[in-house]
């Protein structure tokens, strides 16, 4: 039991941060200009289309 407690504490402390960092590491691209890529959603500078998340 005493070996499980530190593991549970570690999961509680770092689990949400790991999930959040994975969430923020998405890459967005333009459907018609796949070379346009960025880490945040936005608008393609070449055509004005909305950037969409890259499929995993």
N, C-alpha and C. Protein backbone atom coordinates (compact mmCIF):
# COMPACT_ATOMS: atom_id res chain seq x y z
N UNK A 1 0.82 -1.20 0.00
CA UNK A 1 0.00 0.00 0.00
C UNK A 1 0.86 1.26 0.00
N UNK A 2 1.95 1.26 0.76
CA UNK A 2 2.78 2.45 0.84
C UNK A 2 3.52 2.72 -0.47
N UNK A 3 3.70 1.69 -1.31
CA UNK A 3 4.34 1.90 -2.61
C UNK A 3 3.37 2.49 -3.62
N UNK A 4 2.10 2.28 -3.42
CA UNK A 4 1.08 2.76 -4.36
C UNK A 4 0.82 4.25 -4.15
N UNK A 5 0.91 4.73 -2.94
CA UNK A 5 0.58 6.13 -2.64
C UNK A 5 1.44 7.11 -3.45
N UNK A 6 2.77 6.96 -3.50
CA UNK A 6 3.55 7.91 -4.31
C UNK A 6 3.20 7.85 -5.80
N UNK A 7 2.87 6.68 -6.29
CA UNK A 7 2.48 6.55 -7.69
C UNK A 7 1.17 7.29 -7.93
N UNK A 8 0.22 7.14 -7.05
CA UNK A 8 -1.06 7.84 -7.20
C UNK A 8 -0.88 9.35 -7.12
N UNK A 9 -0.04 9.80 -6.22
CA UNK A 9 0.23 11.24 -6.11
C UNK A 9 0.86 11.75 -7.40
N UNK A 10 1.82 11.01 -7.95
CA UNK A 10 2.46 11.41 -9.19
C UNK A 10 1.45 11.49 -10.33
N UNK A 11 0.57 10.53 -10.42
CA UNK A 11 -0.45 10.55 -11.47
C UNK A 11 -1.39 11.73 -11.32
N UNK A 12 -1.75 12.05 -10.09
CA UNK A 12 -2.64 13.18 -9.86
C UNK A 12 -1.96 14.50 -10.20
N UNK A 13 -0.66 14.61 -9.91
CA UNK A 13 0.04 15.86 -10.17
C UNK A 13 0.40 16.05 -11.63
N UNK A 14 0.90 15.00 -12.30
CA UNK A 14 1.39 15.16 -13.66
C UNK A 14 0.43 14.65 -14.72
N UNK A 15 -0.57 13.91 -14.35
CA UNK A 15 -1.53 13.40 -15.33
C UNK A 15 -2.24 14.49 -16.10
N UNK A 16 -2.87 15.46 -15.43
CA UNK A 16 -3.57 16.52 -16.16
C UNK A 16 -2.63 17.37 -17.01
N UNK A 17 -1.42 17.62 -16.53
CA UNK A 17 -0.47 18.42 -17.29
C UNK A 17 -0.06 17.70 -18.57
N UNK A 18 0.14 16.40 -18.49
CA UNK A 18 0.51 15.63 -19.67
C UNK A 18 -0.63 15.62 -20.69
N UNK A 19 -1.83 15.48 -20.21
CA UNK A 19 -2.98 15.49 -21.11
C UNK A 19 -3.15 16.86 -21.74
N UNK A 20 -2.93 17.91 -20.98
CA UNK A 20 -3.07 19.27 -21.50
C UNK A 20 -1.98 19.57 -22.53
N UNK A 21 -0.75 19.13 -22.27
CA UNK A 21 0.32 19.40 -23.22
C UNK A 21 0.08 18.64 -24.53
N UNK A 22 -0.46 17.45 -24.46
CA UNK A 22 -0.79 16.72 -25.68
C UNK A 22 -1.88 17.45 -26.45
N UNK A 23 -2.80 18.03 -25.74
CA UNK A 23 -3.89 18.79 -26.36
C UNK A 23 -3.34 20.01 -27.08
N UNK A 24 -2.37 20.68 -26.49
CA UNK A 24 -1.85 21.90 -27.08
C UNK A 24 -0.83 21.66 -28.17
N UNK A 25 -0.43 20.41 -28.39
CA UNK A 25 0.56 20.11 -29.40
C UNK A 25 -0.07 19.77 -30.75
N UNK A 26 -1.31 20.13 -30.97
CA UNK A 26 -1.95 19.87 -32.25
C UNK A 26 -1.35 20.77 -33.32
N UNK A 27 -1.33 20.28 -34.52
CA UNK A 27 -0.87 21.05 -35.66
C UNK A 27 -2.07 21.29 -36.57
N UNK A 28 -2.19 22.50 -37.08
CA UNK A 28 -3.28 22.88 -37.97
C UNK A 28 -2.71 23.16 -39.35
N UNK A 29 -3.47 22.80 -40.39
CA UNK A 29 -3.03 23.04 -41.76
C UNK A 29 -4.20 23.46 -42.63
N UNK A 30 -3.87 24.00 -43.80
CA UNK A 30 -4.90 24.39 -44.76
C UNK A 30 -5.25 23.18 -45.61
N UNK A 31 -6.54 22.90 -45.81
CA UNK A 31 -6.93 21.76 -46.65
C UNK A 31 -6.44 21.87 -48.09
N UNK A 32 -6.33 23.07 -48.63
CA UNK A 32 -5.90 23.23 -50.02
C UNK A 32 -4.41 23.58 -50.14
N UNK A 33 -3.80 23.98 -49.06
CA UNK A 33 -2.36 24.30 -49.05
C UNK A 33 -1.72 23.56 -47.88
N UNK A 34 -1.47 22.25 -48.00
CA UNK A 34 -0.96 21.46 -46.87
C UNK A 34 0.41 21.92 -46.37
N UNK A 35 1.13 22.71 -47.15
CA UNK A 35 2.41 23.23 -46.69
C UNK A 35 2.25 24.34 -45.64
N UNK A 36 1.03 24.92 -45.56
CA UNK A 36 0.74 25.94 -44.54
C UNK A 36 0.37 25.20 -43.26
N UNK A 37 1.26 25.27 -42.27
CA UNK A 37 1.05 24.56 -41.00
C UNK A 37 1.40 25.50 -39.85
N UNK A 38 0.64 25.41 -38.76
CA UNK A 38 0.96 26.16 -37.55
C UNK A 38 0.37 25.47 -36.34
N UNK A 39 0.80 25.90 -35.16
CA UNK A 39 0.41 25.24 -33.90
C UNK A 39 -0.90 25.75 -33.32
N UNK A 40 -1.45 26.79 -33.89
CA UNK A 40 -2.72 27.34 -33.39
C UNK A 40 -3.70 27.45 -34.55
N UNK A 41 -5.00 27.36 -34.29
CA UNK A 41 -5.96 27.54 -35.38
C UNK A 41 -5.89 28.95 -35.94
N UNK A 42 -6.28 29.10 -37.16
CA UNK A 42 -6.25 30.42 -37.78
C UNK A 42 -6.73 30.36 -39.22
N UNK A 43 -6.26 31.30 -40.02
CA UNK A 43 -6.66 31.43 -41.41
C UNK A 43 -5.44 31.25 -42.30
N UNK A 44 -5.61 30.55 -43.41
CA UNK A 44 -4.52 30.34 -44.37
C UNK A 44 -4.17 31.68 -45.03
N UNK A 45 -2.90 32.07 -45.00
CA UNK A 45 -2.51 33.33 -45.63
C UNK A 45 -2.59 33.28 -47.16
N UNK A 46 -2.59 32.08 -47.73
CA UNK A 46 -2.62 31.96 -49.19
C UNK A 46 -4.04 32.09 -49.76
N UNK A 47 -5.03 31.51 -49.07
CA UNK A 47 -6.38 31.50 -49.65
C UNK A 47 -7.48 31.99 -48.70
N UNK A 48 -7.18 32.14 -47.42
CA UNK A 48 -8.17 32.63 -46.46
C UNK A 48 -9.05 31.54 -45.85
N UNK A 49 -8.79 30.27 -46.18
CA UNK A 49 -9.59 29.20 -45.59
C UNK A 49 -9.19 28.98 -44.13
N UNK A 50 -10.12 28.42 -43.38
CA UNK A 50 -9.87 28.09 -41.98
C UNK A 50 -8.91 26.91 -41.90
N UNK A 51 -7.89 27.02 -41.01
CA UNK A 51 -6.97 25.91 -40.80
C UNK A 51 -7.66 24.85 -39.97
N UNK A 52 -7.41 23.59 -40.30
CA UNK A 52 -8.04 22.47 -39.61
C UNK A 52 -6.97 21.61 -38.97
N UNK A 53 -7.32 20.86 -37.91
CA UNK A 53 -6.32 20.00 -37.25
C UNK A 53 -5.85 18.90 -38.20
N UNK A 54 -4.57 18.58 -38.12
CA UNK A 54 -4.00 17.47 -38.88
C UNK A 54 -4.46 16.17 -38.20
N UNK A 55 -4.92 15.22 -38.99
CA UNK A 55 -5.37 13.94 -38.44
C UNK A 55 -4.17 13.19 -37.86
N UNK A 56 -4.37 12.54 -36.69
CA UNK A 56 -3.25 11.82 -36.06
C UNK A 56 -2.82 10.60 -36.86
